[in-house]
PDB file of N, CA and C in Angstrom:
ATOM      1  N   MET A   1     221.164 -12.190  -8.741  1.00  0.00           N
ATOM      2  CA  MET A   1     222.024 -11.053  -8.998  1.00  0.00           C
ATOM      3  C   MET A   1     221.158  -9.805  -9.187  1.00  0.00           C
ATOM      4  N   ALA A   2     221.590  -8.726  -8.625  1.00  0.00           N
ATOM      5  CA  ALA A   2     220.813  -7.492  -8.696  1.00  0.00           C
ATOM      6  C   ALA A   2     221.108  -6.744  -9.992  1.00  0.00           C
ATOM      7  N   LYS A   3     220.065  -6.237 -10.605  1.00  0.00           N
ATOM      8  CA  LYS A   3     220.222  -5.364 -11.775  1.00  0.00           C
ATOM      9  C   LYS A   3     220.257  -3.936 -11.256  1.00  0.00           C
ATOM     10  N   MET A   4     221.404  -3.323 -11.407  1.00  0.00           N
ATOM     11  CA  MET A   4     221.617  -2.037 -10.761  1.00  0.00           C
ATOM     12  C   MET A   4     220.767  -0.921 -11.356  1.00  0.00           C
ATOM     13  N   ASN A   5     220.395  -0.998 -12.639  1.00  0.00           N
ATOM     14  CA  ASN A   5     219.563   0.077 -13.183  1.00  0.00           C
ATOM     15  C   ASN A   5     218.189   0.101 -12.529  1.00  0.00           C
ATOM     16  N   SER A   6     217.607  -1.068 -12.271  1.00  0.00           N
ATOM     17  CA  SER A   6     216.305  -1.081 -11.605  1.00  0.00           C
ATOM     18  C   SER A   6     216.438  -0.760 -10.116  1.00  0.00           C
ATOM     19  N   VAL A   7     217.530  -1.183  -9.496  1.00  0.00           N
ATOM     20  CA  VAL A   7     217.733  -0.882  -8.072  1.00  0.00           C
ATOM     21  C   VAL A   7     217.943   0.616  -7.861  1.00  0.00           C
ATOM     22  N   ILE A   8     218.726   1.250  -8.735  1.00  0.00           N
ATOM     23  CA  ILE A   8     218.978   2.689  -8.586  1.00  0.00           C
ATOM     24  C   ILE A   8     217.701   3.489  -8.844  1.00  0.00           C
ATOM     25  N   LEU A   9     216.943   3.095  -9.866  1.00  0.00           N
ATOM     26  CA  LEU A   9     215.671   3.783 -10.103  1.00  0.00           C
ATOM     27  C   LEU A   9     214.723   3.592  -8.924  1.00  0.00           C
ATOM     28  N   GLY A  10     214.655   2.373  -8.391  1.00  0.00           N
ATOM     29  CA  GLY A  10     213.824   2.123  -7.218  1.00  0.00           C
ATOM     30  C   GLY A  10     214.290   2.899  -5.999  1.00  0.00           C
ATOM     31  N   PHE A  11     215.601   3.016  -5.839  1.00  0.00           N
ATOM     32  CA  PHE A  11     216.172   3.798  -4.746  1.00  0.00           C
ATOM     33  C   PHE A  11     215.747   5.260  -4.859  1.00  0.00           C
ATOM     34  N   LEU A  12     215.855   5.822  -6.061  1.00  0.00           N
ATOM     35  CA  LEU A  12     215.464   7.222  -6.247  1.00  0.00           C
ATOM     36  C   LEU A  12     213.961   7.418  -6.052  1.00  0.00           C
ATOM     37  N   LEU A  13     213.159   6.480  -6.558  1.00  0.00           N
ATOM     38  CA  LEU A  13     211.711   6.584  -6.352  1.00  0.00           C
ATOM     39  C   LEU A  13     211.339   6.418  -4.882  1.00  0.00           C
ATOM     40  N   THR A  14     212.080   5.573  -4.167  1.00  0.00           N
ATOM     41  CA  THR A  14     211.837   5.414  -2.733  1.00  0.00           C
ATOM     42  C   THR A  14     212.119   6.713  -1.989  1.00  0.00           C
ATOM     43  N   LEU A  15     213.206   7.387  -2.356  1.00  0.00           N
ATOM     44  CA  LEU A  15     213.498   8.678  -1.727  1.00  0.00           C
ATOM     45  C   LEU A  15     212.416   9.705  -2.036  1.00  0.00           C
ATOM     46  N   VAL A  16     211.920   9.712  -3.263  1.00  0.00           N
ATOM     47  CA  VAL A  16     210.853  10.644  -3.631  1.00  0.00           C
ATOM     48  C   VAL A  16     209.602  10.366  -2.802  1.00  0.00           C
ATOM     49  N   VAL A  17     209.274   9.088  -2.641  1.00  0.00           N
ATOM     50  CA  VAL A  17     208.087   8.732  -1.843  1.00  0.00           C
ATOM     51  C   VAL A  17     208.274   9.162  -0.393  1.00  0.00           C
ATOM     52  N   TYR A  18     209.454   8.886   0.173  1.00  0.00           N
ATOM     53  CA  TYR A  18     209.708   9.261   1.569  1.00  0.00           C
ATOM     54  C   TYR A  18     209.649  10.762   1.774  1.00  0.00           C
ATOM     55  N   LEU A  19     210.272  11.519   0.879  1.00  0.00           N
ATOM     56  CA  LEU A  19     210.439  12.941   1.112  1.00  0.00           C
ATOM     57  C   LEU A  19     209.227  13.779   0.719  1.00  0.00           C
ATOM     58  N   PHE A  20     208.466  13.341  -0.297  1.00  0.00           N
ATOM     59  CA  PHE A  20     207.398  14.192  -0.798  1.00  0.00           C
ATOM     60  C   PHE A  20     205.988  13.647  -0.574  1.00  0.00           C
ATOM     61  N   PHE A  21     205.861  12.353  -0.359  1.00  0.00           N
ATOM     62  CA  PHE A  21     204.533  11.761  -0.208  1.00  0.00           C
ATOM     63  C   PHE A  21     204.443  10.999   1.111  1.00  0.00           C
ATOM     64  N   GLY A  22     204.718  11.678   2.206  1.00  0.00           N
ATOM     65  CA  GLY A  22     204.772  11.040   3.513  1.00  0.00           C
ATOM     66  C   GLY A  22     203.474  10.381   3.949  1.00  0.00           C
ATOM     67  N   HIS A  23     202.337  10.996   3.624  1.00  0.00           N
ATOM     68  CA  HIS A  23     201.058  10.435   4.050  1.00  0.00           C
ATOM     69  C   HIS A  23     200.698   9.171   3.278  1.00  0.00           C
ATOM     70  N   TYR A  24     201.225   9.046   2.069  1.00  0.00           N
ATOM     71  CA  TYR A  24     200.925   7.892   1.223  1.00  0.00           C
ATOM     72  C   TYR A  24     202.140   7.003   1.056  1.00  0.00           C
ATOM     73  N   GLU A  25     202.960   6.956   2.082  1.00  0.00           N
ATOM     74  CA  GLU A  25     204.237   6.251   2.009  1.00  0.00           C
ATOM     75  C   GLU A  25     204.064   4.758   1.735  1.00  0.00           C
ATOM     76  N   PHE A  26     203.164   4.105   2.437  1.00  0.00           N
ATOM     77  CA  PHE A  26     202.981   2.668   2.274  1.00  0.00           C
ATOM     78  C   PHE A  26     202.526   2.326   0.856  1.00  0.00           C
ATOM     79  N   TRP A  27     201.522   3.049   0.360  1.00  0.00           N
ATOM     80  CA  TRP A  27     201.011   2.780  -0.984  1.00  0.00           C
ATOM     81  C   TRP A  27     202.048   3.118  -2.039  1.00  0.00           C
ATOM     82  N   GLY A  28     202.784   4.180  -1.833  1.00  0.00           N
ATOM     83  CA  GLY A  28     203.835   4.552  -2.776  1.00  0.00           C
ATOM     84  C   GLY A  28     204.928   3.505  -2.855  1.00  0.00           C
ATOM     85  N   LEU A  29     205.298   2.933  -1.708  1.00  0.00           N
ATOM     86  CA  LEU A  29     206.328   1.907  -1.718  1.00  0.00           C
ATOM     87  C   LEU A  29     205.827   0.606  -2.335  1.00  0.00           C
ATOM     88  N   LEU A  30     204.545   0.327  -2.220  1.00  0.00           N
ATOM     89  CA  LEU A  30     203.984  -0.825  -2.930  1.00  0.00           C
ATOM     90  C   LEU A  30     204.136  -0.653  -4.438  1.00  0.00           C
ATOM     91  N   ILE A  31     203.835   0.528  -4.915  1.00  0.00           N
ATOM     92  CA  ILE A  31     203.936   0.802  -6.352  1.00  0.00           C
ATOM     93  C   ILE A  31     205.390   0.773  -6.804  1.00  0.00           C
ATOM     94  N   VAL A  32     206.293   1.372  -6.016  1.00  0.00           N
ATOM     95  CA  VAL A  32     207.714   1.378  -6.369  1.00  0.00           C
ATOM     96  C   VAL A  32     208.270  -0.043  -6.388  1.00  0.00           C
ATOM     97  N   GLY A  33     207.890  -0.866  -5.439  1.00  0.00           N
ATOM     98  CA  GLY A  33     208.338  -2.256  -5.417  1.00  0.00           C
ATOM     99  C   GLY A  33     207.883  -3.011  -6.648  1.00  0.00           C
ATOM    100  N   PHE A  34     206.646  -2.776  -7.070  1.00  0.00           N
ATOM    101  CA  PHE A  34     206.126  -3.417  -8.276  1.00  0.00           C
ATOM    102  C   PHE A  34     206.906  -2.974  -9.512  1.00  0.00           C
ATOM    103  N   ILE A  35     207.182  -1.677  -9.612  1.00  0.00           N
ATOM    104  CA  ILE A  35     207.926  -1.146 -10.761  1.00  0.00           C
ATOM    105  C   ILE A  35     209.324  -1.746 -10.817  1.00  0.00           C
ATOM    106  N   VAL A  36     210.001  -1.810  -9.680  1.00  0.00           N
ATOM    107  CA  VAL A  36     211.354  -2.363  -9.656  1.00  0.00           C
ATOM    108  C   VAL A  36     211.339  -3.842 -10.030  1.00  0.00           C
ATOM    109  N   GLY A  37     210.400  -4.591  -9.493  1.00  0.00           N
ATOM    110  CA  GLY A  37     210.302  -6.011  -9.832  1.00  0.00           C
ATOM    111  C   GLY A  37     210.012  -6.242 -11.295  1.00  0.00           C
ATOM    112  N   TYR A  38     209.170  -5.400 -11.878  1.00  0.00           N
ATOM    113  CA  TYR A  38     208.844  -5.528 -13.296  1.00  0.00           C
ATOM    114  C   TYR A  38     210.039  -5.153 -14.170  1.00  0.00           C
ATOM    115  N   MET A  39     210.760  -4.101 -13.776  1.00  0.00           N
ATOM    116  CA  MET A  39     211.923  -3.671 -14.555  1.00  0.00           C
ATOM    117  C   MET A  39     213.077  -4.661 -14.503  1.00  0.00           C
ATOM    118  N   ALA A  40     213.166  -5.428 -13.441  1.00  0.00           N
ATOM    119  CA  ALA A  40     214.295  -6.342 -13.285  1.00  0.00           C
ATOM    120  C   ALA A  40     214.247  -7.482 -14.305  1.00  0.00           C
ATOM    121  N   HIS A  41     213.056  -7.921 -14.688  1.00  0.00           N
ATOM    122  CA  HIS A  41     212.884  -9.021 -15.649  1.00  0.00           C
ATOM    123  C   HIS A  41     213.656 -10.263 -15.229  1.00  0.00           C
ATOM    124  N   GLU A  42     213.608 -10.582 -13.954  1.00  0.00           N
ATOM    125  CA  GLU A  42     214.322 -11.753 -13.458  1.00  0.00           C
ATOM    126  C   GLU A  42     213.402 -12.746 -12.771  1.00  0.00           C
ATOM    127  N   GLY A  43     212.140 -12.668 -12.986  1.00  0.00           N
ATOM    128  CA  GLY A  43     211.219 -13.590 -12.363  1.00  0.00           C
ATOM    129  C   GLY A  43     210.855 -13.176 -10.947  1.00  0.00           C
ATOM    130  N   ILE A  44     210.249 -14.116 -10.229  1.00  0.00           N
ATOM    131  CA  ILE A  44     209.733 -13.814  -8.894  1.00  0.00           C
ATOM    132  C   ILE A  44     210.870 -13.512  -7.912  1.00  0.00           C
ATOM    133  N   LEU A  45     211.853 -14.398  -7.831  1.00  0.00           N
ATOM    134  CA  LEU A  45     212.935 -14.198  -6.860  1.00  0.00           C
ATOM    135  C   LEU A  45     213.799 -12.993  -7.198  1.00  0.00           C
ATOM    136  N   GLY A  46     214.075 -12.790  -8.476  1.00  0.00           N
ATOM    137  CA  GLY A  46     214.866 -11.627  -8.870  1.00  0.00           C
ATOM    138  C   GLY A  46     214.140 -10.323  -8.609  1.00  0.00           C
ATOM    139  N   GLY A  47     212.835 -10.291  -8.891  1.00  0.00           N
ATOM    140  CA  GLY A  47     212.058  -9.086  -8.609  1.00  0.00           C
ATOM    141  C   GLY A  47     211.976  -8.793  -7.130  1.00  0.00           C
ATOM    142  N   MET A  48     211.823  -9.857  -6.339  1.00  0.00           N
ATOM    143  CA  MET A  48     211.776  -9.681  -4.888  1.00  0.00           C
ATOM    144  C   MET A  48     213.105  -9.152  -4.372  1.00  0.00           C
ATOM    145  N   TRP A  49     214.208  -9.714  -4.853  1.00  0.00           N
ATOM    146  CA  TRP A  49     215.528  -9.292  -4.382  1.00  0.00           C
ATOM    147  C   TRP A  49     215.826  -7.851  -4.777  1.00  0.00           C
ATOM    148  N   ASN A  50     215.559  -7.486  -6.019  1.00  0.00           N
ATOM    149  CA  ASN A  50     215.843  -6.123  -6.473  1.00  0.00           C
ATOM    150  C   ASN A  50     214.997  -5.090  -5.744  1.00  0.00           C
ATOM    151  N   ALA A  51     213.718  -5.389  -5.533  1.00  0.00           N
ATOM    152  CA  ALA A  51     212.845  -4.445  -4.840  1.00  0.00           C
ATOM    153  C   ALA A  51     213.231  -4.313  -3.368  1.00  0.00           C
ATOM    154  N   ALA A  52     213.594  -5.428  -2.734  1.00  0.00           N
ATOM    155  CA  ALA A  52     214.008  -5.362  -1.327  1.00  0.00           C
ATOM    156  C   ALA A  52     215.307  -4.572  -1.185  1.00  0.00           C
ATOM    157  N   LEU A  53     216.219  -4.736  -2.119  1.00  0.00           N
ATOM    158  CA  LEU A  53     217.478  -4.000  -2.089  1.00  0.00           C
ATOM    159  C   LEU A  53     217.242  -2.503  -2.276  1.00  0.00           C
ATOM    160  N   ALA A  54     216.365  -2.143  -3.209  1.00  0.00           N
ATOM    161  CA  ALA A  54     216.038  -0.734  -3.423  1.00  0.00           C
ATOM    162  C   ALA A  54     215.364  -0.141  -2.187  1.00  0.00           C
ATOM    163  N   GLY A  55     214.470  -0.900  -1.550  1.00  0.00           N
ATOM    164  CA  GLY A  55     213.817  -0.421  -0.335  1.00  0.00           C
ATOM    165  C   GLY A  55     214.791  -0.224   0.810  1.00  0.00           C
ATOM    166  N   ALA A  56     215.748  -1.121   0.943  1.00  0.00           N
ATOM    167  CA  ALA A  56     216.743  -0.986   2.014  1.00  0.00           C
ATOM    168  C   ALA A  56     217.622   0.232   1.791  1.00  0.00           C
ATOM    169  N   PHE A  57     218.111   0.412   0.562  1.00  0.00           N
ATOM    170  CA  PHE A  57     218.943   1.585   0.268  1.00  0.00           C
ATOM    171  C   PHE A  57     218.177   2.879   0.507  1.00  0.00           C
ATOM    172  N   GLY A  58     216.938   2.932   0.032  1.00  0.00           N
ATOM    173  CA  GLY A  58     216.130   4.135   0.210  1.00  0.00           C
ATOM    174  C   GLY A  58     215.842   4.436   1.666  1.00  0.00           C
ATOM    175  N   THR A  59     215.577   3.406   2.453  1.00  0.00           N
ATOM    176  CA  THR A  59     215.304   3.601   3.875  1.00  0.00           C
ATOM    177  C   THR A  59     216.532   4.118   4.599  1.00  0.00           C
ATOM    178  N   ILE A  60     217.680   3.551   4.306  1.00  0.00           N
ATOM    179  CA  ILE A  60     218.906   3.975   4.978  1.00  0.00           C
ATOM    180  C   ILE A  60     219.222   5.435   4.654  1.00  0.00           C
ATOM    181  N   VAL A  61     219.186   5.807   3.390  1.00  0.00           N
ATOM    182  CA  VAL A  61     219.523   7.179   3.006  1.00  0.00           C
ATOM    183  C   VAL A  61     218.493   8.167   3.538  1.00  0.00           C
ATOM    184  N   ALA A  62     217.208   7.845   3.456  1.00  0.00           N
ATOM    185  CA  ALA A  62     216.175   8.749   3.969  1.00  0.00           C
ATOM    186  C   ALA A  62     216.297   8.926   5.481  1.00  0.00           C
ATOM    187  N   SER A  63     216.642   7.867   6.188  1.00  0.00           N
ATOM    188  CA  SER A  63     216.799   7.968   7.643  1.00  0.00           C
ATOM    189  C   SER A  63     218.002   8.831   8.010  1.00  0.00           C
ATOM    190  N   VAL A  64     219.102   8.662   7.303  1.00  0.00           N
ATOM    191  CA  VAL A  64     220.286   9.484   7.572  1.00  0.00           C
ATOM    192  C   VAL A  64     220.001  10.945   7.252  1.00  0.00           C
ATOM    193  N   LEU A  65     219.315  11.207   6.131  1.00  0.00           N
ATOM    194  CA  LEU A  65     218.959  12.589   5.801  1.00  0.00           C
ATOM    195  C   LEU A  65     218.051  13.196   6.867  1.00  0.00           C
ATOM    196  N   PHE A  66     217.110  12.415   7.372  1.00  0.00           N
ATOM    197  CA  PHE A  66     216.219  12.914   8.424  1.00  0.00           C
ATOM    198  C   PHE A  66     216.997  13.235   9.702  1.00  0.00           C
ATOM    199  N   ILE A  67     217.914  12.357  10.084  1.00  0.00           N
ATOM    200  CA  ILE A  67     218.706  12.598  11.297  1.00  0.00           C
ATOM    201  C   ILE A  67     219.555  13.857  11.150  1.00  0.00           C
ATOM    202  N   ILE A  68     220.184  14.020   9.991  1.00  0.00           N
ATOM    203  CA  ILE A  68     221.001  15.213   9.768  1.00  0.00           C
ATOM    204  C   ILE A  68     220.141  16.462   9.764  1.00  0.00           C
ATOM    205  N   LEU A  69     218.969  16.401   9.135  1.00  0.00           N
ATOM    206  CA  LEU A  69     218.071  17.552   9.095  1.00  0.00           C
ATOM    207  C   LEU A  69     217.607  17.937  10.493  1.00  0.00           C
ATOM    208  N   VAL A  70     217.237  16.965  11.301  1.00  0.00           N
ATOM    209  CA  VAL A  70     216.795  17.247  12.665  1.00  0.00           C
ATOM    210  C   VAL A  70     217.941  17.805  13.495  1.00  0.00           C
ATOM    211  N   THR A  71     219.137  17.281  13.309  1.00  0.00           N
ATOM    212  CA  THR A  71     220.291  17.750  14.073  1.00  0.00           C
ATOM    213  C   THR A  71     220.644  19.180  13.709  1.00  0.00           C
ATOM    214  N   ILE A  72     220.701  19.469  12.424  1.00  0.00           N
ATOM    215  CA  ILE A  72     221.057  20.829  11.999  1.00  0.00           C
ATOM    216  C   ILE A  72     219.935  21.799  12.329  1.00  0.00           C
ATOM    217  N   GLY A  73     218.688  21.385  12.115  1.00  0.00           N
ATOM    218  CA  GLY A  73     217.550  22.253  12.417  1.00  0.00           C
ATOM    219  C   GLY A  73     217.381  22.503  13.902  1.00  0.00           C
ATOM    220  N   GLY A  74     217.753  21.547  14.730  1.00  0.00           N
ATOM    221  CA  GLY A  74     217.593  21.694  16.170  1.00  0.00           C
ATOM    222  C   GLY A  74     218.801  22.282  16.866  1.00  0.00           C
ATOM    223  N   THR A  75     219.851  22.635  16.123  1.00  0.00           N
ATOM    224  CA  THR A  75     221.075  23.123  16.744  1.00  0.00           C
ATOM    225  C   THR A  75     220.849  24.429  17.483  1.00  0.00           C
ATOM    226  N   ALA A  76     220.161  25.370  16.865  1.00  0.00           N
ATOM    227  CA  ALA A  76     219.955  26.666  17.502  1.00  0.00           C
ATOM    228  C   ALA A  76     219.021  26.559  18.700  1.00  0.00           C
ATOM    229  N   LEU A  77     218.075  25.651  18.662  1.00  0.00           N
ATOM    230  CA  LEU A  77     217.097  25.537  19.731  1.00  0.00           C
ATOM    231  C   LEU A  77     217.591  24.694  20.903  1.00  0.00           C
ATOM    232  N   MET A  78     218.498  23.765  20.635  1.00  0.00           N
ATOM    233  CA  MET A  78     218.893  22.810  21.656  1.00  0.00           C
ATOM    234  C   MET A  78     220.104  23.248  22.469  1.00  0.00           C
ATOM    235  N   GLY A  79     220.791  24.251  22.038  1.00  0.00           N
ATOM    236  CA  GLY A  79     221.952  24.723  22.784  1.00  0.00           C
ATOM    237  C   GLY A  79     223.075  23.700  22.808  1.00  0.00           C
ATOM    238  N   PRO A  80     223.403  23.174  23.990  1.00  0.00           N
ATOM    239  CA  PRO A  80     224.531  22.237  24.073  1.00  0.00           C
ATOM    240  C   PRO A  80     224.261  20.888  23.407  1.00  0.00           C
ATOM    241  N   LEU A  81     223.003  20.559  23.116  1.00  0.00           N
ATOM    242  CA  LEU A  81     222.701  19.285  22.468  1.00  0.00           C
ATOM    243  C   LEU A  81     222.744  19.372  20.948  1.00  0.00           C
ATOM    244  N   GLY A  82     223.149  20.502  20.406  1.00  0.00           N
ATOM    245  CA  GLY A  82     223.264  20.625  18.962  1.00  0.00           C
ATOM    246  C   GLY A  82     224.620  20.107  18.486  1.00  0.00           C
ATOM    247  N   GLY A  83     224.808  20.129  17.198  1.00  0.00           N
ATOM    248  CA  GLY A  83     226.077  19.727  16.625  1.00  0.00           C
ATOM    249  C   GLY A  83     226.346  18.238  16.724  1.00  0.00           C
ATOM    250  N   LEU A  84     227.571  17.885  17.021  1.00  0.00           N
ATOM    251  CA  LEU A  84     227.982  16.486  17.042  1.00  0.00           C
ATOM    252  C   LEU A  84     227.305  15.715  18.175  1.00  0.00           C
ATOM    253  N   THR A  85     227.102  16.357  19.313  1.00  0.00           N
ATOM    254  CA  THR A  85     226.432  15.685  20.425  1.00  0.00           C
ATOM    255  C   THR A  85     224.990  15.348  20.068  1.00  0.00           C
ATOM    256  N   GLY A  86     224.286  16.287  19.453  1.00  0.00           N
ATOM    257  CA  GLY A  86     222.912  16.040  19.048  1.00  0.00           C
ATOM    258  C   GLY A  86     222.820  14.979  17.964  1.00  0.00           C
ATOM    259  N   PHE A  87     223.797  15.005  17.052  1.00  0.00           N
ATOM    260  CA  PHE A  87     223.817  13.988  16.000  1.00  0.00           C
ATOM    261  C   PHE A  87     224.025  12.606  16.597  1.00  0.00           C
ATOM    262  N   THR A  88     224.922  12.487  17.565  1.00  0.00           N
ATOM    263  CA  THR A  88     225.191  11.200  18.203  1.00  0.00           C
ATOM    264  C   THR A  88     223.977  10.707  18.980  1.00  0.00           C
ATOM    265  N   ILE A  89     223.351  11.587  19.737  1.00  0.00           N
ATOM    266  CA  ILE A  89     222.184  11.197  20.526  1.00  0.00           C
ATOM    267  C   ILE A  89     221.025  10.796  19.622  1.00  0.00           C
ATOM    268  N   SER A  90     220.759  11.602  18.602  1.00  0.00           N
ATOM    269  CA  SER A  90     219.638  11.262  17.716  1.00  0.00           C
ATOM    270  C   SER A  90     219.955  10.026  16.887  1.00  0.00           C
ATOM    271  N   GLY A  91     221.215   9.832  16.523  1.00  0.00           N
ATOM    272  CA  GLY A  91     221.591   8.637  15.770  1.00  0.00           C
ATOM    273  C   GLY A  91     221.454   7.366  16.577  1.00  0.00           C
ATOM    274  N   ILE A  92     221.865   7.403  17.825  1.00  0.00           N
ATOM    275  CA  ILE A  92     221.785   6.216  18.679  1.00  0.00           C
ATOM    276  C   ILE A  92     220.335   5.913  19.050  1.00  0.00           C
ATOM    277  N   SER A  93     219.565   6.939  19.354  1.00  0.00           N
ATOM    278  CA  SER A  93     218.187   6.699  19.788  1.00  0.00           C
ATOM    279  C   SER A  93     217.293   6.238  18.652  1.00  0.00           C
ATOM    280  N   SER A  94     217.622   6.617  17.431  1.00  0.00           N
ATOM    281  CA  SER A  94     216.762   6.212  16.317  1.00  0.00           C
ATOM    282  C   SER A  94     217.279   4.986  15.585  1.00  0.00           C
ATOM    283  N   LEU A  95     218.303   4.336  16.090  1.00  0.00           N
ATOM    284  CA  LEU A  95     218.868   3.166  15.427  1.00  0.00           C
ATOM    285  C   LEU A  95     217.854   2.031  15.328  1.00  0.00           C
ATOM    286  N   PHE A  96     217.109   1.791  16.386  1.00  0.00           N
ATOM    287  CA  PHE A  96     216.124   0.710  16.369  1.00  0.00           C
ATOM    288  C   PHE A  96     214.957   1.020  15.434  1.00  0.00           C
ATOM    289  N   VAL A  97     214.585   2.289  15.350  1.00  0.00           N
ATOM    290  CA  VAL A  97     213.525   2.688  14.432  1.00  0.00           C
ATOM    291  C   VAL A  97     213.982   2.497  12.986  1.00  0.00           C
ATOM    292  N   ILE A  98     215.235   2.816  12.707  1.00  0.00           N
ATOM    293  CA  ILE A  98     215.773   2.647  11.355  1.00  0.00           C
ATOM    294  C   ILE A  98     215.805   1.168  10.984  1.00  0.00           C
ATOM    295  N   ILE A  99     216.258   0.308  11.891  1.00  0.00           N
ATOM    296  CA  ILE A  99     216.314  -1.127  11.616  1.00  0.00           C
ATOM    297  C   ILE A  99     214.902  -1.673  11.390  1.00  0.00           C
ATOM    298  N   TYR A 100     213.937  -1.224  12.178  1.00  0.00           N
ATOM    299  CA  TYR A 100     212.546  -1.648  11.996  1.00  0.00           C
ATOM    300  C   TYR A 100     212.026  -1.234  10.620  1.00  0.00           C
ATOM    301  N   ASN A 101     212.311   0.012  10.219  1.00  0.00           N
ATOM    302  CA  ASN A 101     211.848   0.483   8.912  1.00  0.00           C
ATOM    303  C   ASN A 101     212.515  -0.267   7.768  1.00  0.00           C
ATOM    304  N   ILE A 102     213.800  -0.578   7.902  1.00  0.00           N
ATOM    305  CA  ILE A 102     214.487  -1.326   6.853  1.00  0.00           C
ATOM    306  C   ILE A 102     213.825  -2.678   6.651  1.00  0.00           C
ATOM    307  N   ILE A 103     213.588  -3.387   7.731  1.00  0.00           N
ATOM    308  CA  ILE A 103     212.977  -4.717   7.628  1.00  0.00           C
ATOM    309  C   ILE A 103     211.562  -4.618   7.074  1.00  0.00           C
ATOM    310  N   LYS A 104     210.784  -3.656   7.579  1.00  0.00           N
ATOM    311  CA  LYS A 104     209.394  -3.514   7.142  1.00  0.00           C
ATOM    312  C   LYS A 104     209.303  -3.200   5.651  1.00  0.00           C
ATOM    313  N   TYR A 105     210.101  -2.262   5.179  1.00  0.00           N
ATOM    314  CA  TYR A 105     209.992  -1.869   3.779  1.00  0.00           C
ATOM    315  C   TYR A 105     210.681  -2.838   2.844  1.00  0.00           C
ATOM    316  N   MET A 106     211.663  -3.589   3.327  1.00  0.00           N
ATOM    317  CA  MET A 106     212.214  -4.659   2.503  1.00  0.00           C
ATOM    318  C   MET A 106     211.152  -5.727   2.264  1.00  0.00           C
ATOM    319  N   ILE A 107     210.364  -6.033   3.284  1.00  0.00           N
ATOM    320  CA  ILE A 107     209.304  -7.035   3.125  1.00  0.00           C
ATOM    321  C   ILE A 107     208.203  -6.513   2.211  1.00  0.00           C
ATOM    322  N   VAL A 108     207.751  -5.281   2.430  1.00  0.00           N
ATOM    323  CA  VAL A 108     206.666  -4.712   1.629  1.00  0.00           C
ATOM    324  C   VAL A 108     207.081  -4.601   0.164  1.00  0.00           C
ATOM    325  N   MET A 109     208.242  -4.022  -0.080  1.00  0.00           N
ATOM    326  CA  MET A 109     208.673  -3.849  -1.462  1.00  0.00           C
ATOM    327  C   MET A 109     209.080  -5.181  -2.083  1.00  0.00           C
ATOM    328  N   GLY A 110     209.566  -6.109  -1.282  1.00  0.00           N
ATOM    329  CA  GLY A 110     209.934  -7.423  -1.806  1.00  0.00           C
ATOM    330  C   GLY A 110     208.726  -8.201  -2.295  1.00  0.00           C
ATOM    331  N   ILE A 111     207.625  -8.131  -1.564  1.00  0.00           N
ATOM    332  CA  ILE A 111     206.414  -8.854  -1.973  1.00  0.00           C
ATOM    333  C   ILE A 111     205.864  -8.290  -3.279  1.00  0.00           C
ATOM    334  N   THR A 112     205.768  -6.976  -3.383  1.00  0.00           N
ATOM    335  CA  THR A 112     205.252  -6.409  -4.628  1.00  0.00           C
ATOM    336  C   THR A 112     206.271  -6.522  -5.754  1.00  0.00           C
ATOM    337  N   GLY A 113     207.560  -6.540  -5.422  1.00  0.00           N
ATOM    338  CA  GLY A 113     208.572  -6.781  -6.448  1.00  0.00           C
ATOM    339  C   GLY A 113     208.476  -8.181  -7.011  1.00  0.00           C
ATOM    340  N   ALA A 114     208.147  -9.151  -6.160  1.00  0.00           N
ATOM    341  CA  ALA A 114     207.945 -10.517  -6.641  1.00  0.00           C
ATOM    342  C   ALA A 114     206.733 -10.581  -7.563  1.00  0.00           C
ATOM    343  N   LEU A 115     205.691  -9.834  -7.243  1.00  0.00           N
ATOM    344  CA  LEU A 115     204.516  -9.781  -8.109  1.00  0.00           C
ATOM    345  C   LEU A 115     204.868  -9.155  -9.459  1.00  0.00           C
ATOM    346  N   GLY A 116     205.632  -8.061  -9.433  1.00  0.00           N
ATOM    347  CA  GLY A 116     206.063  -7.440 -10.684  1.00  0.00           C
ATOM    348  C   GLY A 116     206.978  -8.347 -11.485  1.00  0.00           C
ATOM    349  N   GLY A 117     207.862  -9.072 -10.812  1.00  0.00           N
ATOM    350  CA  GLY A 117     208.737 -10.008 -11.504  1.00  0.00           C
ATOM    351  C   GLY A 117     207.966 -11.162 -12.121  1.00  0.00           C
ATOM    352  N   ALA A 118     206.913 -11.604 -11.455  1.00  0.00           N
ATOM    353  CA  ALA A 118     206.093 -12.686 -11.995  1.00  0.00           C
ATOM    354  C   ALA A 118     205.329 -12.233 -13.238  1.00  0.00           C
ATOM    355  N   LEU A 119     204.920 -10.969 -13.247  1.00  0.00           N
ATOM    356  CA  LEU A 119     204.186 -10.457 -14.405  1.00  0.00           C
ATOM    357  C   LEU A 119     205.090 -10.133 -15.592  1.00  0.00           C
ATOM    358  N   SER A 120     206.382  -9.958 -15.363  1.00  0.00           N
ATOM    359  CA  SER A 120     207.275  -9.632 -16.480  1.00  0.00           C
ATOM    360  C   SER A 120     207.542 -10.842 -17.368  1.00  0.00           C
ATOM    361  N   LYS A 121     207.413 -12.049 -16.836  1.00  0.00           N
ATOM    362  CA  LYS A 121     207.490 -13.313 -17.574  1.00  0.00           C
ATOM    363  C   LYS A 121     208.787 -13.479 -18.361  1.00  0.00           C
ATOM    364  N   GLU A 122     209.860 -12.951 -17.864  1.00  0.00           N
ATOM    365  CA  GLU A 122     211.137 -13.122 -18.552  1.00  0.00           C
ATOM    366  C   GLU A 122     211.853 -14.383 -18.125  1.00  0.00           C
ATOM    367  N   LYS A 123     211.768 -14.717 -16.854  1.00  0.00           N
ATOM    368  CA  LYS A 123     212.490 -15.847 -16.302  1.00  0.00           C
ATOM    369  C   LYS A 123     211.544 -16.633 -15.404  1.00  0.00           C
ATOM    370  N   ASN A 124     211.660 -17.922 -15.377  1.00  0.00           N
ATOM    371  CA  ASN A 124     210.784 -18.736 -14.533  1.00  0.00           C
ATOM    372  C   ASN A 124     211.420 -19.027 -13.203  1.00  0.00           C
TER     373      ASN A 124
END
């Protein structure tokens, strides 16, 4: 079962890492996964699940924000490809990249979340 306080904090920290620390994204997500796993106090499996859930939520929201930002920012420059058409094209073309990022960061944050859950020693 997911502890929503640790998942929401991990989600917010994931967004902060994505939006402000782009060059150190991988290392930042390792740290966020560890924090979420430690905060969950549910052992290895609980820490892994909570961190993976936070990583998935953060990836989805950051990807949608990026698509909207690119669509709105490119509207004046793209002419007929701006607006809803540009949003549809950029959304469809980046769908595979979003799915790849979700899987990658769920695995990365899940592994460090399991480590954090193991160190919290609340549940075996």
